[in-house]
Amino acid sequence: MSSAGKEPTPDRGEISPEEREAFRQRSDAIGRQLGKAKARRAPVKRSANDRVRGEAFAKAFRFGAELLVGVGIGGFIGWALDGQLNTRPWLLVLFVILGFAAGMSNLIRAAREEQRKQQASQLATPSVPDDEDEDDR
């Protein structure tokens, strides 16, 4: 098939100036729409309560991860040793239990550390007099 009588087409991967201009106009229109949508969207205001809730969630996730990692590593070590020493499933069971104990140990240590931080911040906060103290005056 010859291209005689047809409009010349640009080479593969190239676009004509008209197509380029149409693409630029569509891109500008999308940019304007996006700008309008961002302007309408109110900024999210984070309260102190949201921050505290997020920190508590992060701590809970950390504590859970401490426990799971201990069990996972213990299980992997037991599985690997069982394969090498052909003692299935005894070393796996033993090391899962040891991994659980190590995970609990890490969990308790991390919880104590967080408790110390909380106590220090509570001691640094000035106390507020009770309403009963004001009535005695």
N, C-alpha and C. Protein backbone atom coordinates (compact mmCIF):
# COMPACT_ATOMS: atom_id res chain seq x y z
N MET A 1 0.84 -1.17 0.00
CA MET A 1 0.00 0.00 0.00
C MET A 1 0.88 1.23 0.00
N SER A 2 0.61 2.09 -0.90
CA SER A 2 1.39 3.32 -0.97
C SER A 2 0.66 4.42 -0.25
N SER A 3 1.40 5.41 0.12
CA SER A 3 0.79 6.54 0.84
C SER A 3 0.48 7.67 -0.11
N ALA A 4 0.36 7.38 -1.38
CA ALA A 4 0.06 8.41 -2.37
C ALA A 4 -1.33 8.96 -2.14
N GLY A 5 -1.46 10.25 -2.15
CA GLY A 5 -2.75 10.90 -1.96
C GLY A 5 -3.12 11.07 -0.50
N LYS A 6 -2.32 10.53 0.40
CA LYS A 6 -2.61 10.67 1.83
C LYS A 6 -1.71 11.73 2.42
N GLU A 7 -2.14 12.24 3.55
CA GLU A 7 -1.32 13.23 4.26
C GLU A 7 -0.07 12.57 4.77
N PRO A 8 1.08 13.21 4.69
CA PRO A 8 2.28 12.58 5.23
C PRO A 8 2.17 12.44 6.75
N THR A 9 2.51 11.28 7.24
CA THR A 9 2.44 11.03 8.67
C THR A 9 3.82 11.19 9.27
N PRO A 10 3.88 11.66 10.49
CA PRO A 10 5.18 11.79 11.13
C PRO A 10 5.79 10.41 11.39
N ASP A 11 7.09 10.39 11.53
CA ASP A 11 7.77 9.13 11.80
C ASP A 11 7.32 8.58 13.15
N ARG A 12 7.59 7.34 13.32
CA ARG A 12 7.18 6.66 14.55
C ARG A 12 7.82 7.35 15.76
N GLY A 13 7.01 7.64 16.80
CA GLY A 13 7.51 8.26 18.03
C GLY A 13 7.50 9.78 17.98
N GLU A 14 7.17 10.36 16.84
CA GLU A 14 7.11 11.82 16.74
C GLU A 14 5.66 12.23 16.61
N ILE A 15 5.36 13.42 17.13
CA ILE A 15 4.00 13.93 17.01
C ILE A 15 4.04 15.24 16.24
N SER A 16 2.93 15.52 15.60
CA SER A 16 2.85 16.73 14.78
C SER A 16 2.70 17.95 15.69
N PRO A 17 2.99 19.13 15.16
CA PRO A 17 2.82 20.35 15.97
C PRO A 17 1.39 20.53 16.46
N GLU A 18 0.40 20.13 15.65
CA GLU A 18 -1.00 20.27 16.07
C GLU A 18 -1.29 19.34 17.26
N GLU A 19 -0.79 18.12 17.18
CA GLU A 19 -0.99 17.18 18.28
C GLU A 19 -0.26 17.65 19.53
N ARG A 20 0.91 18.21 19.34
CA ARG A 20 1.68 18.72 20.46
C ARG A 20 0.92 19.86 21.16
N GLU A 21 0.33 20.75 20.38
CA GLU A 21 -0.43 21.86 20.95
C GLU A 21 -1.68 21.35 21.66
N ALA A 22 -2.37 20.36 21.07
CA ALA A 22 -3.55 19.80 21.71
C ALA A 22 -3.17 19.12 23.03
N PHE A 23 -2.05 18.43 23.04
CA PHE A 23 -1.58 17.79 24.26
C PHE A 23 -1.27 18.83 25.33
N ARG A 24 -0.61 19.93 24.95
CA ARG A 24 -0.28 20.99 25.90
C ARG A 24 -1.54 21.62 26.48
N GLN A 25 -2.56 21.83 25.64
CA GLN A 25 -3.82 22.41 26.12
C GLN A 25 -4.51 21.47 27.10
N ARG A 26 -4.53 20.18 26.80
CA ARG A 26 -5.14 19.22 27.72
C ARG A 26 -4.38 19.19 29.04
N SER A 27 -3.07 19.23 28.95
CA SER A 27 -2.24 19.22 30.15
C SER A 27 -2.50 20.47 30.99
N ASP A 28 -2.60 21.62 30.35
CA ASP A 28 -2.89 22.86 31.09
C ASP A 28 -4.26 22.81 31.74
N ALA A 29 -5.25 22.24 31.03
CA ALA A 29 -6.60 22.14 31.59
C ALA A 29 -6.61 21.22 32.81
N ILE A 30 -5.90 20.12 32.74
CA ILE A 30 -5.82 19.21 33.89
C ILE A 30 -5.11 19.90 35.05
N GLY A 31 -4.06 20.67 34.76
CA GLY A 31 -3.35 21.40 35.80
C GLY A 31 -4.25 22.42 36.49
N ARG A 32 -5.08 23.13 35.71
CA ARG A 32 -6.02 24.10 36.31
C ARG A 32 -7.04 23.40 37.18
N GLN A 33 -7.58 22.28 36.70
CA GLN A 33 -8.56 21.52 37.49
C GLN A 33 -7.93 21.02 38.79
N LEU A 34 -6.71 20.54 38.70
CA LEU A 34 -6.02 20.06 39.90
C LEU A 34 -5.78 21.20 40.88
N GLY A 35 -5.40 22.36 40.38
CA GLY A 35 -5.21 23.53 41.24
C GLY A 35 -6.49 23.94 41.94
N LYS A 36 -7.60 23.90 41.22
CA LYS A 36 -8.90 24.24 41.83
C LYS A 36 -9.27 23.23 42.91
N ALA A 37 -9.04 21.95 42.63
CA ALA A 37 -9.37 20.91 43.60
C ALA A 37 -8.52 21.06 44.86
N LYS A 38 -7.23 21.38 44.70
CA LYS A 38 -6.37 21.58 45.86
C LYS A 38 -6.79 22.80 46.66
N ALA A 39 -7.24 23.85 45.99
CA ALA A 39 -7.67 25.06 46.69
C ALA A 39 -8.95 24.80 47.48
N ARG A 40 -9.85 23.98 46.94
CA ARG A 40 -11.10 23.67 47.64
C ARG A 40 -10.87 22.81 48.86
N ARG A 41 -9.89 21.96 48.77
CA ARG A 41 -9.64 21.02 49.86
C ARG A 41 -9.04 21.77 51.04
N ALA A 42 -9.72 21.69 52.16
CA ALA A 42 -9.24 22.38 53.36
C ALA A 42 -8.07 21.61 53.95
N PRO A 43 -7.08 22.31 54.46
CA PRO A 43 -5.97 21.59 55.09
C PRO A 43 -6.45 20.83 56.32
N VAL A 44 -5.91 19.66 56.49
CA VAL A 44 -6.29 18.82 57.61
C VAL A 44 -5.61 19.34 58.87
N LYS A 45 -6.41 19.63 59.86
CA LYS A 45 -5.87 20.12 61.12
C LYS A 45 -5.73 18.96 62.08
N ARG A 46 -4.54 18.74 62.53
CA ARG A 46 -4.27 17.65 63.45
C ARG A 46 -4.35 18.17 64.88
N SER A 47 -5.12 17.51 65.69
CA SER A 47 -5.22 17.91 67.08
C SER A 47 -4.18 17.15 67.90
N ALA A 48 -4.00 17.60 69.12
CA ALA A 48 -3.05 16.93 70.01
C ALA A 48 -3.52 15.50 70.29
N ASN A 49 -4.85 15.32 70.33
CA ASN A 49 -5.40 13.99 70.57
C ASN A 49 -5.03 13.03 69.44
N ASP A 50 -5.07 13.52 68.19
CA ASP A 50 -4.69 12.68 67.06
C ASP A 50 -3.22 12.29 67.13
N ARG A 51 -2.38 13.23 67.57
CA ARG A 51 -0.96 12.95 67.69
C ARG A 51 -0.71 11.89 68.75
N VAL A 52 -1.38 12.02 69.89
CA VAL A 52 -1.22 11.05 70.97
C VAL A 52 -1.71 9.68 70.53
N ARG A 53 -2.83 9.66 69.83
CA ARG A 53 -3.37 8.39 69.34
C ARG A 53 -2.40 7.74 68.36
N GLY A 54 -1.81 8.53 67.48
CA GLY A 54 -0.84 8.00 66.53
C GLY A 54 0.40 7.45 67.22
N GLU A 55 0.87 8.15 68.25
CA GLU A 55 2.03 7.67 68.99
C GLU A 55 1.71 6.36 69.71
N ALA A 56 0.51 6.27 70.27
CA ALA A 56 0.11 5.04 70.96
C ALA A 56 0.01 3.87 69.97
N PHE A 57 -0.51 4.14 68.78
CA PHE A 57 -0.60 3.10 67.76
C PHE A 57 0.80 2.65 67.35
N ALA A 58 1.72 3.59 67.21
CA ALA A 58 3.10 3.24 66.83
C ALA A 58 3.76 2.38 67.91
N LYS A 59 3.51 2.72 69.17
CA LYS A 59 4.09 1.93 70.26
C LYS A 59 3.51 0.51 70.27
N ALA A 60 2.20 0.40 70.08
CA ALA A 60 1.57 -0.91 70.06
C ALA A 60 2.10 -1.74 68.90
N PHE A 61 2.29 -1.12 67.75
CA PHE A 61 2.84 -1.83 66.60
C PHE A 61 4.27 -2.28 66.89
N ARG A 62 5.03 -1.42 67.54
CA ARG A 62 6.41 -1.78 67.88
C ARG A 62 6.43 -2.97 68.83
N PHE A 63 5.55 -2.95 69.84
CA PHE A 63 5.53 -4.05 70.81
C PHE A 63 5.16 -5.36 70.13
N GLY A 64 4.17 -5.32 69.26
CA GLY A 64 3.77 -6.53 68.54
C GLY A 64 4.89 -7.03 67.63
N ALA A 65 5.58 -6.11 66.99
CA ALA A 65 6.69 -6.49 66.11
C ALA A 65 7.83 -7.11 66.91
N GLU A 66 8.10 -6.57 68.10
CA GLU A 66 9.16 -7.14 68.95
C GLU A 66 8.87 -8.61 69.24
N LEU A 67 7.63 -8.92 69.55
CA LEU A 67 7.26 -10.29 69.87
C LEU A 67 7.32 -11.19 68.63
N LEU A 68 6.75 -10.72 67.53
CA LEU A 68 6.73 -11.53 66.32
C LEU A 68 8.13 -11.80 65.76
N VAL A 69 8.99 -10.82 65.84
CA VAL A 69 10.35 -11.00 65.33
C VAL A 69 11.09 -12.05 66.15
N GLY A 70 10.91 -12.01 67.46
CA GLY A 70 11.56 -13.01 68.32
C GLY A 70 11.10 -14.41 67.98
N VAL A 71 9.80 -14.59 67.82
CA VAL A 71 9.27 -15.93 67.49
C VAL A 71 9.72 -16.34 66.09
N GLY A 72 9.69 -15.40 65.14
CA GLY A 72 10.09 -15.71 63.77
C GLY A 72 11.55 -16.11 63.66
N ILE A 73 12.41 -15.37 64.31
CA ILE A 73 13.84 -15.71 64.25
C ILE A 73 14.10 -17.03 64.96
N GLY A 74 13.47 -17.24 66.10
CA GLY A 74 13.63 -18.52 66.79
C GLY A 74 13.15 -19.68 65.95
N GLY A 75 12.00 -19.51 65.31
CA GLY A 75 11.48 -20.56 64.43
C GLY A 75 12.40 -20.83 63.26
N PHE A 76 12.96 -19.79 62.66
CA PHE A 76 13.88 -19.98 61.54
C PHE A 76 15.14 -20.71 61.96
N ILE A 77 15.70 -20.31 63.10
CA ILE A 77 16.91 -20.99 63.59
C ILE A 77 16.62 -22.46 63.88
N GLY A 78 15.49 -22.74 64.53
CA GLY A 78 15.12 -24.13 64.82
C GLY A 78 14.91 -24.94 63.56
N TRP A 79 14.23 -24.36 62.58
CA TRP A 79 13.99 -25.05 61.31
C TRP A 79 15.31 -25.36 60.60
N ALA A 80 16.22 -24.37 60.58
CA ALA A 80 17.50 -24.56 59.91
C ALA A 80 18.33 -25.65 60.61
N LEU A 81 18.36 -25.60 61.93
CA LEU A 81 19.12 -26.61 62.67
C LEU A 81 18.50 -27.99 62.53
N ASP A 82 17.16 -28.06 62.50
CA ASP A 82 16.50 -29.35 62.28
C ASP A 82 16.89 -29.93 60.94
N GLY A 83 16.98 -29.10 59.94
CA GLY A 83 17.38 -29.58 58.62
C GLY A 83 18.81 -30.07 58.60
N GLN A 84 19.70 -29.42 59.32
CA GLN A 84 21.11 -29.80 59.34
C GLN A 84 21.35 -31.06 60.19
N LEU A 85 20.66 -31.11 61.33
CA LEU A 85 20.92 -32.20 62.28
C LEU A 85 19.91 -33.33 62.20
N ASN A 86 18.90 -33.19 61.33
CA ASN A 86 17.87 -34.21 61.14
C ASN A 86 17.19 -34.57 62.46
N THR A 87 16.74 -33.57 63.18
CA THR A 87 16.08 -33.78 64.48
C THR A 87 14.63 -33.28 64.45
N ARG A 88 14.02 -33.23 63.29
CA ARG A 88 12.68 -32.67 63.16
C ARG A 88 11.74 -33.26 64.17
N PRO A 89 10.86 -32.56 64.79
CA PRO A 89 10.63 -31.12 64.90
C PRO A 89 11.16 -30.55 66.20
N TRP A 90 12.02 -31.26 66.89
CA TRP A 90 12.37 -30.89 68.26
C TRP A 90 13.10 -29.56 68.37
N LEU A 91 14.06 -29.31 67.54
CA LEU A 91 14.77 -28.02 67.63
C LEU A 91 13.88 -26.86 67.20
N LEU A 92 12.98 -27.12 66.24
CA LEU A 92 12.04 -26.08 65.84
C LEU A 92 11.17 -25.68 67.03
N VAL A 93 10.62 -26.66 67.72
CA VAL A 93 9.77 -26.38 68.89
C VAL A 93 10.59 -25.66 69.97
N LEU A 94 11.78 -26.16 70.24
CA LEU A 94 12.63 -25.55 71.26
C LEU A 94 12.95 -24.09 70.93
N PHE A 95 13.34 -23.82 69.70
CA PHE A 95 13.74 -22.46 69.35
C PHE A 95 12.54 -21.53 69.19
N VAL A 96 11.37 -22.04 68.85
CA VAL A 96 10.17 -21.19 68.84
C VAL A 96 9.87 -20.75 70.27
N ILE A 97 9.99 -21.67 71.21
CA ILE A 97 9.77 -21.32 72.63
C ILE A 97 10.82 -20.33 73.09
N LEU A 98 12.10 -20.58 72.73
CA LEU A 98 13.15 -19.63 73.09
C LEU A 98 12.94 -18.27 72.41
N GLY A 99 12.47 -18.28 71.17
CA GLY A 99 12.17 -17.02 70.47
C GLY A 99 11.04 -16.27 71.13
N PHE A 100 10.02 -17.01 71.59
CA PHE A 100 8.92 -16.37 72.31
C PHE A 100 9.43 -15.74 73.60
N ALA A 101 10.28 -16.46 74.31
CA ALA A 101 10.85 -15.92 75.55
C ALA A 101 11.69 -14.68 75.26
N ALA A 102 12.49 -14.72 74.20
CA ALA A 102 13.30 -13.54 73.84
C ALA A 102 12.41 -12.38 73.42
N GLY A 103 11.34 -12.68 72.68
CA GLY A 103 10.40 -11.63 72.28
C GLY A 103 9.71 -11.01 73.48
N MET A 104 9.30 -11.84 74.43
CA MET A 104 8.68 -11.31 75.64
C MET A 104 9.67 -10.47 76.44
N SER A 105 10.91 -10.93 76.50
CA SER A 105 11.95 -10.17 77.19
C SER A 105 12.13 -8.79 76.55
N ASN A 106 12.21 -8.75 75.22
CA ASN A 106 12.32 -7.47 74.51
C ASN A 106 11.08 -6.61 74.72
N LEU A 107 9.93 -7.25 74.72
CA LEU A 107 8.67 -6.53 74.91
C LEU A 107 8.62 -5.90 76.30
N ILE A 108 9.00 -6.63 77.31
CA ILE A 108 8.99 -6.11 78.68
C ILE A 108 10.01 -4.98 78.81
N ARG A 109 11.18 -5.15 78.22
CA ARG A 109 12.19 -4.09 78.27
C ARG A 109 11.69 -2.82 77.60
N ALA A 110 11.07 -2.95 76.43
CA ALA A 110 10.56 -1.78 75.71
C ALA A 110 9.42 -1.12 76.48
N ALA A 111 8.56 -1.94 77.12
CA ALA A 111 7.45 -1.38 77.90
C ALA A 111 7.97 -0.63 79.12
N ARG A 112 8.99 -1.16 79.77
CA ARG A 112 9.58 -0.46 80.92
C ARG A 112 10.21 0.86 80.49
N GLU A 113 10.86 0.85 79.35
CA GLU A 113 11.47 2.07 78.83
C GLU A 113 10.40 3.13 78.56
N GLU A 114 9.30 2.74 77.94
CA GLU A 114 8.20 3.67 77.69
C GLU A 114 7.58 4.16 78.99
N GLN A 115 7.48 3.26 79.98
CA GLN A 115 6.92 3.65 81.27
C GLN A 115 7.82 4.68 81.95
N ARG A 116 9.13 4.51 81.87
CA ARG A 116 10.06 5.49 82.44
C ARG A 116 9.91 6.85 81.76
N LYS A 117 9.74 6.84 80.45
CA LYS A 117 9.56 8.10 79.72
C LYS A 117 8.27 8.79 80.17
N GLN A 118 7.20 8.01 80.33
CA GLN A 118 5.93 8.59 80.75
C GLN A 118 6.02 9.16 82.16
N GLN A 119 6.69 8.44 83.06
CA GLN A 119 6.83 8.93 84.42
C GLN A 119 7.65 10.21 84.45
N ALA A 120 8.69 10.29 83.65
CA ALA A 120 9.52 11.49 83.62
C ALA A 120 8.72 12.69 83.10
N SER A 121 7.89 12.47 82.09
CA SER A 121 7.09 13.59 81.56
C SER A 121 5.99 13.99 82.55
N GLN A 122 5.46 13.03 83.29
CA GLN A 122 4.45 13.38 84.29
C GLN A 122 5.05 14.15 85.44
N LEU A 123 6.26 13.79 85.85
CA LEU A 123 6.91 14.52 86.94
C LEU A 123 7.32 15.93 86.50
N ALA A 124 7.60 16.11 85.23
CA ALA A 124 8.00 17.42 84.73
C ALA A 124 6.80 18.36 84.57
N THR A 125 5.60 17.81 84.49
CA THR A 125 4.40 18.62 84.32
C THR A 125 3.99 19.19 85.67
N PRO A 126 3.73 20.53 85.74
CA PRO A 126 3.32 21.11 87.02
C PRO A 126 1.95 20.57 87.44
N SER A 127 1.80 20.39 88.73
CA SER A 127 0.53 19.87 89.22
C SER A 127 -0.50 20.99 89.27
N VAL A 128 -1.75 20.59 89.18
CA VAL A 128 -2.86 21.53 89.21
C VAL A 128 -3.56 21.36 90.55
N PRO A 129 -3.82 22.47 91.27
CA PRO A 129 -4.50 22.33 92.56
C PRO A 129 -5.92 21.81 92.39
N ASP A 130 -6.37 21.01 93.36
CA ASP A 130 -7.72 20.48 93.34
C ASP A 130 -8.71 21.59 93.68
N ASP A 131 -9.96 21.38 93.32
CA ASP A 131 -11.01 22.33 93.68
C ASP A 131 -11.22 22.37 95.18
N GLU A 132 -11.00 21.26 95.86
CA GLU A 132 -11.17 21.20 97.30
C GLU A 132 -10.15 22.10 98.01
N ASP A 133 -8.93 22.20 97.43
CA ASP A 133 -7.91 23.05 98.04
C ASP A 133 -8.32 24.51 98.03
N GLU A 134 -9.06 24.94 97.02
CA GLU A 134 -9.48 26.34 96.94
C GLU A 134 -10.60 26.64 97.93
N ASP A 135 -11.42 25.66 98.28
CA ASP A 135 -12.52 25.88 99.20
C ASP A 135 -12.03 26.13 100.62
N ASP A 136 -10.87 25.61 100.99
CA ASP A 136 -10.35 25.74 102.35
C ASP A 136 -9.86 27.16 102.62
N ARG A 137 -9.63 27.96 101.66
CA ARG A 137 -9.07 29.30 101.86
C ARG A 137 -10.06 30.27 102.34
